[in-house]
Amino acid sequence: MRIAAAIILTLMVISSSAFANCVTNARGRVVCSNGEQAGGYNAKTGNAWKSQKNQAGVATIQTSAGGEAKTKNGNGVYQSANGKDCYKTAYNHGCN
């Protein structure tokens, strides 16, 4: 799984933006961003992720483990790889 995540991260960095700014943060995660797209890899968990923001300002985040989240202005919906749905709004949060 770690090899697959590393390959995914490498492909994301090469194909999504040749001018991305990549750094290793304080937690040891590699994070790359060009403003509209971002990606990263957590070596401790072996999980890679990528994020894209559309014209409406909705960020879609996908992980190599199969999860997907959509967020905007602090509100969001998350669907895990096993199909569990969770949400967060300004006044409420929970999972189905």
PDB file of N, CA and C in Angstrom:
ATOM      1  N   MET A   1       0.822  -1.188   0.000  1.00  0.00           N
ATOM      2  CA  MET A   1       0.000   0.000   0.000  1.00  0.00           C
ATOM      3  C   MET A   1       0.868   1.255   0.000  1.00  0.00           C
ATOM      4  N   ARG A   2       1.968   1.244   0.719  1.00  0.00           N
ATOM      5  CA  ARG A   2       2.821   2.427   0.765  1.00  0.00           C
ATOM      6  C   ARG A   2       3.453   2.704  -0.598  1.00  0.00           C
ATOM      7  N   ILE A   3       3.806   1.644  -1.316  1.00  0.00           N
ATOM      8  CA  ILE A   3       4.393   1.828  -2.638  1.00  0.00           C
ATOM      9  C   ILE A   3       3.362   2.448  -3.572  1.00  0.00           C
ATOM     10  N   ALA A   4       2.126   1.966  -3.508  1.00  0.00           N
ATOM     11  CA  ALA A   4       1.066   2.515  -4.352  1.00  0.00           C
ATOM     12  C   ALA A   4       0.811   3.976  -4.017  1.00  0.00           C
ATOM     13  N   ALA A   5       0.804   4.320  -2.733  1.00  0.00           N
ATOM     14  CA  ALA A   5       0.582   5.705  -2.325  1.00  0.00           C
ATOM     15  C   ALA A   5       1.726   6.590  -2.792  1.00  0.00           C
ATOM     16  N   ALA A   6       2.948   6.095  -2.723  1.00  0.00           N
ATOM     17  CA  ALA A   6       4.097   6.868  -3.190  1.00  0.00           C
ATOM     18  C   ALA A   6       4.025   7.095  -4.689  1.00  0.00           C
ATOM     19  N   ILE A   7       3.581   6.082  -5.430  1.00  0.00           N
ATOM     20  CA  ILE A   7       3.436   6.219  -6.878  1.00  0.00           C
ATOM     21  C   ILE A   7       2.355   7.243  -7.199  1.00  0.00           C
ATOM     22  N   ILE A   8       1.246   7.179  -6.478  1.00  0.00           N
ATOM     23  CA  ILE A   8       0.153   8.136  -6.693  1.00  0.00           C
ATOM     24  C   ILE A   8       0.641   9.552  -6.438  1.00  0.00           C
ATOM     25  N   LEU A   9       1.363   9.752  -5.346  1.00  0.00           N
ATOM     26  CA  LEU A   9       1.869  11.084  -5.025  1.00  0.00           C
ATOM     27  C   LEU A   9       2.826  11.565  -6.107  1.00  0.00           C
ATOM     28  N   THR A  10       3.702  10.694  -6.569  1.00  0.00           N
ATOM     29  CA  THR A  10       4.650  11.065  -7.610  1.00  0.00           C
ATOM     30  C   THR A  10       3.927  11.477  -8.882  1.00  0.00           C
ATOM     31  N   LEU A  11       2.937  10.710  -9.280  1.00  0.00           N
ATOM     32  CA  LEU A  11       2.165  11.050 -10.478  1.00  0.00           C
ATOM     33  C   LEU A  11       1.410  12.355 -10.299  1.00  0.00           C
ATOM     34  N   MET A  12       0.861  12.589  -9.093  1.00  0.00           N
ATOM     35  CA  MET A  12       0.148  13.836  -8.841  1.00  0.00           C
ATOM     36  C   MET A  12       1.091  15.026  -8.975  1.00  0.00           C
ATOM     37  N   VAL A  13       2.266  14.907  -8.407  1.00  0.00           N
ATOM     38  CA  VAL A  13       3.223  16.010  -8.442  1.00  0.00           C
ATOM     39  C   VAL A  13       3.665  16.282  -9.872  1.00  0.00           C
ATOM     40  N   ILE A  14       3.934  15.232 -10.631  1.00  0.00           N
ATOM     41  CA  ILE A  14       4.418  15.400 -12.004  1.00  0.00           C
ATOM     42  C   ILE A  14       3.321  15.906 -12.924  1.00  0.00           C
ATOM     43  N   SER A  15       2.126  15.326 -12.842  1.00  0.00           N
ATOM     44  CA  SER A  15       1.101  15.633 -13.823  1.00  0.00           C
ATOM     45  C   SER A  15       0.223  16.818 -13.465  1.00  0.00           C
ATOM     46  N   SER A  16      -0.070  17.049 -12.202  1.00  0.00           N
ATOM     47  CA  SER A  16      -1.066  18.066 -11.874  1.00  0.00           C
ATOM     48  C   SER A  16      -0.533  19.476 -11.992  1.00  0.00           C
ATOM     49  N   SER A  17       0.747  19.697 -11.659  1.00  0.00           N
ATOM     50  CA  SER A  17       1.279  21.042 -11.822  1.00  0.00           C
ATOM     51  C   SER A  17       2.791  21.005 -11.778  1.00  0.00           C
ATOM     52  N   ALA A  18       3.380  21.496 -12.825  1.00  0.00           N
ATOM     53  CA  ALA A  18       4.835  21.513 -12.875  1.00  0.00           C
ATOM     54  C   ALA A  18       5.404  22.612 -11.991  1.00  0.00           C
ATOM     55  N   PHE A  19       4.577  23.561 -11.568  1.00  0.00           N
ATOM     56  CA  PHE A  19       5.053  24.688 -10.792  1.00  0.00           C
ATOM     57  C   PHE A  19       4.535  24.661  -9.361  1.00  0.00           C
ATOM     58  N   ALA A  20       4.231  23.514  -8.834  1.00  0.00           N
ATOM     59  CA  ALA A  20       3.711  23.389  -7.475  1.00  0.00           C
ATOM     60  C   ALA A  20       4.812  23.642  -6.462  1.00  0.00           C
ATOM     61  N   ASN A  21       4.415  24.170  -5.323  1.00  0.00           N
ATOM     62  CA  ASN A  21       5.322  24.412  -4.215  1.00  0.00           C
ATOM     63  C   ASN A  21       5.192  23.241  -3.252  1.00  0.00           C
ATOM     64  N   CYS A  22       6.228  22.430  -3.100  1.00  0.00           N
ATOM     65  CA  CYS A  22       6.189  21.257  -2.233  1.00  0.00           C
ATOM     66  C   CYS A  22       7.077  21.467  -1.024  1.00  0.00           C
ATOM     67  N   VAL A  23       6.557  21.153   0.156  1.00  0.00           N
ATOM     68  CA  VAL A  23       7.304  21.281   1.402  1.00  0.00           C
ATOM     69  C   VAL A  23       6.995  20.086   2.292  1.00  0.00           C
ATOM     70  N   THR A  24       7.888  19.810   3.217  1.00  0.00           N
ATOM     71  CA  THR A  24       7.627  18.827   4.272  1.00  0.00           C
ATOM     72  C   THR A  24       7.260  19.613   5.514  1.00  0.00           C
ATOM     73  N   ASN A  25       6.060  19.390   6.050  1.00  0.00           N
ATOM     74  CA  ASN A  25       5.620  20.169   7.204  1.00  0.00           C
ATOM     75  C   ASN A  25       6.189  19.605   8.501  1.00  0.00           C
ATOM     76  N   ALA A  26       5.831  20.213   9.617  1.00  0.00           N
ATOM     77  CA  ALA A  26       6.361  19.832  10.924  1.00  0.00           C
ATOM     78  C   ALA A  26       5.988  18.409  11.315  1.00  0.00           C
ATOM     79  N   ARG A  27       4.936  17.865  10.755  1.00  0.00           N
ATOM     80  CA  ARG A  27       4.502  16.500  11.066  1.00  0.00           C
ATOM     81  C   ARG A  27       5.122  15.465  10.138  1.00  0.00           C
ATOM     82  N   GLY A  28       6.006  15.904   9.236  1.00  0.00           N
ATOM     83  CA  GLY A  28       6.662  14.981   8.324  1.00  0.00           C
ATOM     84  C   GLY A  28       5.863  14.661   7.087  1.00  0.00           C
ATOM     85  N   ARG A  29       4.827  15.417   6.807  1.00  0.00           N
ATOM     86  CA  ARG A  29       4.000  15.184   5.627  1.00  0.00           C
ATOM     87  C   ARG A  29       4.482  16.051   4.474  1.00  0.00           C
ATOM     88  N   VAL A  30       4.538  15.485   3.287  1.00  0.00           N
ATOM     89  CA  VAL A  30       4.888  16.241   2.096  1.00  0.00           C
ATOM     90  C   VAL A  30       3.606  16.836   1.543  1.00  0.00           C
ATOM     91  N   VAL A  31       3.575  18.158   1.352  1.00  0.00           N
ATOM     92  CA  VAL A  31       2.388  18.842   0.874  1.00  0.00           C
ATOM     93  C   VAL A  31       2.775  19.708  -0.317  1.00  0.00           C
ATOM     94  N   CYS A  32       2.039  19.565  -1.414  1.00  0.00           N
ATOM     95  CA  CYS A  32       2.288  20.344  -2.625  1.00  0.00           C
ATOM     96  C   CYS A  32       1.023  21.122  -2.972  1.00  0.00           C
ATOM     97  N   SER A  33       1.197  22.373  -3.414  1.00  0.00           N
ATOM     98  CA  SER A  33       0.033  23.182  -3.737  1.00  0.00           C
ATOM     99  C   SER A  33       0.379  24.236  -4.773  1.00  0.00           C
ATOM    100  N   ASN A  34      -0.570  24.549  -5.633  1.00  0.00           N
ATOM    101  CA  ASN A  34      -0.422  25.662  -6.573  1.00  0.00           C
ATOM    102  C   ASN A  34      -1.600  26.628  -6.447  1.00  0.00           C
ATOM    103  N   GLY A  35      -2.362  26.547  -5.377  1.00  0.00           N
ATOM    104  CA  GLY A  35      -3.504  27.423  -5.155  1.00  0.00           C
ATOM    105  C   GLY A  35      -4.834  26.762  -5.433  1.00  0.00           C
ATOM    106  N   GLU A  36      -4.963  26.058  -6.535  1.00  0.00           N
ATOM    107  CA  GLU A  36      -6.209  25.396  -6.897  1.00  0.00           C
ATOM    108  C   GLU A  36      -6.153  23.894  -6.651  1.00  0.00           C
ATOM    109  N   GLN A  37      -4.965  23.307  -6.693  1.00  0.00           N
ATOM    110  CA  GLN A  37      -4.802  21.877  -6.468  1.00  0.00           C
ATOM    111  C   GLN A  37      -3.730  21.667  -5.409  1.00  0.00           C
ATOM    112  N   ALA A  38      -3.910  20.630  -4.619  1.00  0.00           N
ATOM    113  CA  ALA A  38      -2.916  20.302  -3.597  1.00  0.00           C
ATOM    114  C   ALA A  38      -2.856  18.800  -3.444  1.00  0.00           C
ATOM    115  N   GLY A  39      -1.777  18.320  -2.892  1.00  0.00           N
ATOM    116  CA  GLY A  39      -1.627  16.894  -2.654  1.00  0.00           C
ATOM    117  C   GLY A  39      -0.645  16.665  -1.538  1.00  0.00           C
ATOM    118  N   GLY A  40      -0.656  15.476  -0.984  1.00  0.00           N
ATOM    119  CA  GLY A  40       0.267  15.172   0.095  1.00  0.00           C
ATOM    120  C   GLY A  40       0.349  13.694   0.365  1.00  0.00           C
ATOM    121  N   TYR A  41       1.304  13.343   1.204  1.00  0.00           N
ATOM    122  CA  TYR A  41       1.534  11.944   1.551  1.00  0.00           C
ATOM    123  C   TYR A  41       1.957  11.876   2.998  1.00  0.00           C
ATOM    124  N   ASN A  42       1.325  10.995   3.773  1.00  0.00           N
ATOM    125  CA  ASN A  42       1.678  10.781   5.166  1.00  0.00           C
ATOM    126  C   ASN A  42       2.440   9.471   5.250  1.00  0.00           C
ATOM    127  N   ALA A  43       3.751   9.557   5.479  1.00  0.00           N
ATOM    128  CA  ALA A  43       4.598   8.364   5.512  1.00  0.00           C
ATOM    129  C   ALA A  43       4.259   7.453   6.681  1.00  0.00           C
ATOM    130  N   LYS A  44       3.729   8.004   7.771  1.00  0.00           N
ATOM    131  CA  LYS A  44       3.395   7.191   8.949  1.00  0.00           C
ATOM    132  C   LYS A  44       2.202   6.277   8.683  1.00  0.00           C
ATOM    133  N   THR A  45       1.218   6.773   7.963  1.00  0.00           N
ATOM    134  CA  THR A  45       0.024   5.974   7.682  1.00  0.00           C
ATOM    135  C   THR A  45       0.047   5.363   6.287  1.00  0.00           C
ATOM    136  N   GLY A  46       0.910   5.868   5.405  1.00  0.00           N
ATOM    137  CA  GLY A  46       0.953   5.380   4.035  1.00  0.00           C
ATOM    138  C   GLY A  46      -0.199   5.886   3.186  1.00  0.00           C
ATOM    139  N   ASN A  47      -0.832   6.969   3.600  1.00  0.00           N
ATOM    140  CA  ASN A  47      -2.005   7.487   2.907  1.00  0.00           C
ATOM    141  C   ASN A  47      -1.636   8.736   2.108  1.00  0.00           C
ATOM    142  N   ALA A  48      -1.975   8.739   0.828  1.00  0.00           N
ATOM    143  CA  ALA A  48      -1.790   9.910  -0.026  1.00  0.00           C
ATOM    144  C   ALA A  48      -3.144  10.567  -0.234  1.00  0.00           C
ATOM    145  N   TRP A  49      -3.136  11.878  -0.482  1.00  0.00           N
ATOM    146  CA  TRP A  49      -4.379  12.591  -0.732  1.00  0.00           C
ATOM    147  C   TRP A  49      -4.154  13.650  -1.795  1.00  0.00           C
ATOM    148  N   LYS A  50      -5.251  14.039  -2.443  1.00  0.00           N
ATOM    149  CA  LYS A  50      -5.202  15.145  -3.388  1.00  0.00           C
ATOM    150  C   LYS A  50      -6.473  15.969  -3.223  1.00  0.00           C
ATOM    151  N   SER A  51      -6.363  17.241  -3.519  1.00  0.00           N
ATOM    152  CA  SER A  51      -7.479  18.158  -3.351  1.00  0.00           C
ATOM    153  C   SER A  51      -7.583  19.045  -4.587  1.00  0.00           C
ATOM    154  N   GLN A  52      -8.812  19.324  -4.999  1.00  0.00           N
ATOM    155  CA  GLN A  52      -9.071  20.245  -6.097  1.00  0.00           C
ATOM    156  C   GLN A  52     -10.215  21.155  -5.689  1.00  0.00           C
ATOM    157  N   LYS A  53     -10.120  22.420  -6.079  1.00  0.00           N
ATOM    158  CA  LYS A  53     -11.177  23.379  -5.774  1.00  0.00           C
ATOM    159  C   LYS A  53     -11.833  23.797  -7.079  1.00  0.00           C
ATOM    160  N   ASN A  54     -13.179  23.739  -7.128  1.00  0.00           N
ATOM    161  CA  ASN A  54     -13.878  24.106  -8.359  1.00  0.00           C
ATOM    162  C   ASN A  54     -14.200  25.597  -8.370  1.00  0.00           C
ATOM    163  N   GLN A  55     -14.863  26.070  -9.422  1.00  0.00           N
ATOM    164  CA  GLN A  55     -15.154  27.497  -9.578  1.00  0.00           C
ATOM    165  C   GLN A  55     -16.101  28.018  -8.511  1.00  0.00           C
ATOM    166  N   ALA A  56     -16.909  27.154  -7.921  1.00  0.00           N
ATOM    167  CA  ALA A  56     -17.847  27.560  -6.877  1.00  0.00           C
ATOM    168  C   ALA A  56     -17.180  27.595  -5.502  1.00  0.00           C
ATOM    169  N   GLY A  57     -15.915  27.218  -5.418  1.00  0.00           N
ATOM    170  CA  GLY A  57     -15.209  27.239  -4.141  1.00  0.00           C
ATOM    171  C   GLY A  57     -15.335  25.964  -3.332  1.00  0.00           C
ATOM    172  N   VAL A  58     -15.866  24.901  -3.914  1.00  0.00           N
ATOM    173  CA  VAL A  58     -16.011  23.623  -3.223  1.00  0.00           C
ATOM    174  C   VAL A  58     -14.726  22.813  -3.416  1.00  0.00           C
ATOM    175  N   ALA A  59     -14.118  22.414  -2.309  1.00  0.00           N
ATOM    176  CA  ALA A  59     -12.905  21.605  -2.358  1.00  0.00           C
ATOM    177  C   ALA A  59     -13.290  20.134  -2.283  1.00  0.00           C
ATOM    178  N   THR A  60     -12.772  19.335  -3.203  1.00  0.00           N
ATOM    179  CA  THR A  60     -12.980  17.894  -3.209  1.00  0.00           C
ATOM    180  C   THR A  60     -11.660  17.239  -2.862  1.00  0.00           C
ATOM    181  N   ILE A  61     -11.644  16.478  -1.773  1.00  0.00           N
ATOM    182  CA  ILE A  61     -10.440  15.822  -1.296  1.00  0.00           C
ATOM    183  C   ILE A  61     -10.625  14.320  -1.447  1.00  0.00           C
ATOM    184  N   GLN A  62      -9.660  13.653  -2.083  1.00  0.00           N
ATOM    185  CA  GLN A  62      -9.703  12.206  -2.261  1.00  0.00           C
ATOM    186  C   GLN A  62      -8.450  11.604  -1.651  1.00  0.00           C
ATOM    187  N   THR A  63      -8.603  10.443  -0.984  1.00  0.00           N
ATOM    188  CA  THR A  63      -7.459   9.762  -0.387  1.00  0.00           C
ATOM    189  C   THR A  63      -7.188   8.454  -1.115  1.00  0.00           C
ATOM    190  N   SER A  64      -5.959   7.971  -0.975  1.00  0.00           N
ATOM    191  CA  SER A  64      -5.615   6.697  -1.606  1.00  0.00           C
ATOM    192  C   SER A  64      -6.304   5.531  -0.905  1.00  0.00           C
ATOM    193  N   ALA A  65      -6.858   5.761   0.296  1.00  0.00           N
ATOM    194  CA  ALA A  65      -7.594   4.720   1.008  1.00  0.00           C
ATOM    195  C   ALA A  65      -9.030   4.606   0.522  1.00  0.00           C
ATOM    196  N   GLY A  66      -9.473   5.546  -0.345  1.00  0.00           N
ATOM    197  CA  GLY A  66     -10.813   5.453  -0.915  1.00  0.00           C
ATOM    198  C   GLY A  66     -11.818   6.436  -0.347  1.00  0.00           C
ATOM    199  N   GLY A  67     -11.431   7.279   0.577  1.00  0.00           N
ATOM    200  CA  GLY A  67     -12.348   8.265   1.147  1.00  0.00           C
ATOM    201  C   GLY A  67     -12.439   9.500   0.270  1.00  0.00           C
ATOM    202  N   GLU A  68     -13.570  10.212   0.387  1.00  0.00           N
ATOM    203  CA  GLU A  68     -13.762  11.443  -0.364  1.00  0.00           C
ATOM    204  C   GLU A  68     -14.529  12.432   0.496  1.00  0.00           C
ATOM    205  N   ALA A  69     -14.089  13.682   0.476  1.00  0.00           N
ATOM    206  CA  ALA A  69     -14.761  14.742   1.224  1.00  0.00           C
ATOM    207  C   ALA A  69     -14.992  15.927   0.308  1.00  0.00           C
ATOM    208  N   LYS A  70     -16.101  16.625   0.538  1.00  0.00           N
ATOM    209  CA  LYS A  70     -16.388  17.874  -0.162  1.00  0.00           C
ATOM    210  C   LYS A  70     -16.644  18.920   0.905  1.00  0.00           C
ATOM    211  N   THR A  71     -15.911  20.044   0.826  1.00  0.00           N
ATOM    212  CA  THR A  71     -16.026  21.082   1.850  1.00  0.00           C
ATOM    213  C   THR A  71     -16.136  22.465   1.220  1.00  0.00           C
ATOM    214  N   LYS A  72     -16.796  23.352   1.962  1.00  0.00           N
ATOM    215  CA  LYS A  72     -16.870  24.757   1.586  1.00  0.00           C
ATOM    216  C   LYS A  72     -17.250  25.553   2.827  1.00  0.00           C
ATOM    217  N   ASN A  73     -16.503  26.596   3.107  1.00  0.00           N
ATOM    218  CA  ASN A  73     -16.779  27.505   4.222  1.00  0.00           C
ATOM    219  C   ASN A  73     -16.963  26.786   5.554  1.00  0.00           C
ATOM    220  N   GLY A  74     -16.168  25.766   5.814  1.00  0.00           N
ATOM    221  CA  GLY A  74     -16.237  25.061   7.092  1.00  0.00           C
ATOM    222  C   GLY A  74     -17.313  24.000   7.178  1.00  0.00           C
ATOM    223  N   ASN A  75     -18.142  23.857   6.173  1.00  0.00           N
ATOM    224  CA  ASN A  75     -19.162  22.812   6.124  1.00  0.00           C
ATOM    225  C   ASN A  75     -18.695  21.726   5.170  1.00  0.00           C
ATOM    226  N   GLY A  76     -19.074  20.470   5.465  1.00  0.00           N
ATOM    227  CA  GLY A  76     -18.601  19.431   4.586  1.00  0.00           C
ATOM    228  C   GLY A  76     -19.338  18.120   4.708  1.00  0.00           C
ATOM    229  N   VAL A  77     -19.103  17.274   3.716  1.00  0.00           N
ATOM    230  CA  VAL A  77     -19.651  15.917   3.678  1.00  0.00           C
ATOM    231  C   VAL A  77     -18.492  14.985   3.376  1.00  0.00           C
ATOM    232  N   TYR A  78     -18.429  13.860   4.091  1.00  0.00           N
ATOM    233  CA  TYR A  78     -17.357  12.882   3.906  1.00  0.00           C
ATOM    234  C   TYR A  78     -17.960  11.508   3.666  1.00  0.00           C
ATOM    235  N   GLN A  79     -17.424  10.789   2.710  1.00  0.00           N
ATOM    236  CA  GLN A  79     -17.831   9.403   2.478  1.00  0.00           C
ATOM    237  C   GLN A  79     -16.577   8.542   2.549  1.00  0.00           C
ATOM    238  N   SER A  80     -16.582   7.573   3.474  1.00  0.00           N
ATOM    239  CA  SER A  80     -15.431   6.695   3.642  1.00  0.00           C
ATOM    240  C   SER A  80     -15.444   5.603   2.586  1.00  0.00           C
ATOM    241  N   ALA A  81     -14.355   4.853   2.521  1.00  0.00           N
ATOM    242  CA  ALA A  81     -14.236   3.785   1.538  1.00  0.00           C
ATOM    243  C   ALA A  81     -15.282   2.695   1.749  1.00  0.00           C
ATOM    244  N   ASN A  82     -15.723   2.495   3.004  1.00  0.00           N
ATOM    245  CA  ASN A  82     -16.714   1.455   3.271  1.00  0.00           C
ATOM    246  C   ASN A  82     -18.147   1.972   3.152  1.00  0.00           C
ATOM    247  N   GLY A  83     -18.333   3.226   2.686  1.00  0.00           N
ATOM    248  CA  GLY A  83     -19.666   3.751   2.430  1.00  0.00           C
ATOM    249  C   GLY A  83     -20.288   4.557   3.551  1.00  0.00           C
ATOM    250  N   LYS A  84     -19.613   4.749   4.678  1.00  0.00           N
ATOM    251  CA  LYS A  84     -20.150   5.532   5.782  1.00  0.00           C
ATOM    252  C   LYS A  84     -20.124   7.008   5.420  1.00  0.00           C
ATOM    253  N   ASP A  85     -21.255   7.705   5.626  1.00  0.00           N
ATOM    254  CA  ASP A  85     -21.371   9.126   5.324  1.00  0.00           C
ATOM    255  C   ASP A  85     -21.370   9.932   6.607  1.00  0.00           C
ATOM    256  N   CYS A  86     -20.599  11.016   6.624  1.00  0.00           N
ATOM    257  CA  CYS A  86     -20.555  11.934   7.761  1.00  0.00           C
ATOM    258  C   CYS A  86     -20.707  13.352   7.239  1.00  0.00           C
ATOM    259  N   TYR A  87     -21.183  14.258   8.093  1.00  0.00           N
ATOM    260  CA  TYR A  87     -21.386  15.641   7.695  1.00  0.00           C
ATOM    261  C   TYR A  87     -21.021  16.574   8.834  1.00  0.00           C
ATOM    262  N   LYS A  88     -20.743  17.814   8.500  1.00  0.00           N
ATOM    263  CA  LYS A  88     -20.505  18.852   9.495  1.00  0.00           C
ATOM    264  C   LYS A  88     -21.065  20.156   8.939  1.00  0.00           C
ATOM    265  N   THR A  89     -21.911  20.800   9.727  1.00  0.00           N
ATOM    266  CA  THR A  89     -22.437  22.113   9.388  1.00  0.00           C
ATOM    267  C   THR A  89     -22.031  23.076  10.495  1.00  0.00           C
ATOM    268  N   ALA A  90     -22.469  24.304  10.409  1.00  0.00           N
ATOM    269  CA  ALA A  90     -22.132  25.293  11.423  1.00  0.00           C
ATOM    270  C   ALA A  90     -22.737  24.941  12.783  1.00  0.00           C
ATOM    271  N   TYR A  91     -23.851  24.236  12.805  1.00  0.00           N
ATOM    272  CA  TYR A  91     -24.544  23.953  14.056  1.00  0.00           C
ATOM    273  C   TYR A  91     -24.672  22.481  14.407  1.00  0.00           C
ATOM    274  N   ASN A  92     -24.240  21.597  13.531  1.00  0.00           N
ATOM    275  CA  ASN A  92     -24.472  20.182  13.760  1.00  0.00           C
ATOM    276  C   ASN A  92     -23.398  19.344  13.073  1.00  0.00           C
ATOM    277  N   HIS A  93     -23.247  18.098  13.501  1.00  0.00           N
ATOM    278  CA  HIS A  93     -22.369  17.138  12.845  1.00  0.00           C
ATOM    279  C   HIS A  93     -22.811  15.729  13.222  1.00  0.00           C
ATOM    280  N   GLY A  94     -22.417  14.766  12.400  1.00  0.00           N
ATOM    281  CA  GLY A  94     -22.786  13.383  12.705  1.00  0.00           C
ATOM    282  C   GLY A  94     -22.513  12.486  11.518  1.00  0.00           C
ATOM    283  N   CYS A  95     -22.800  11.215  11.731  1.00  0.00           N
ATOM    284  CA  CYS A  95     -22.590  10.200  10.691  1.00  0.00           C
ATOM    285  C   CYS A  95     -23.835   9.327  10.564  1.00  0.00           C
ATOM    286  N   ASN A  96     -24.052   8.792   9.374  1.00  0.00           N
ATOM    287  CA  ASN A  96     -25.183   7.903   9.115  1.00  0.00           C
ATOM    288  C   ASN A  96     -24.695   6.484   9.013  1.00  0.00           C
TER     289      ASN A  96
END
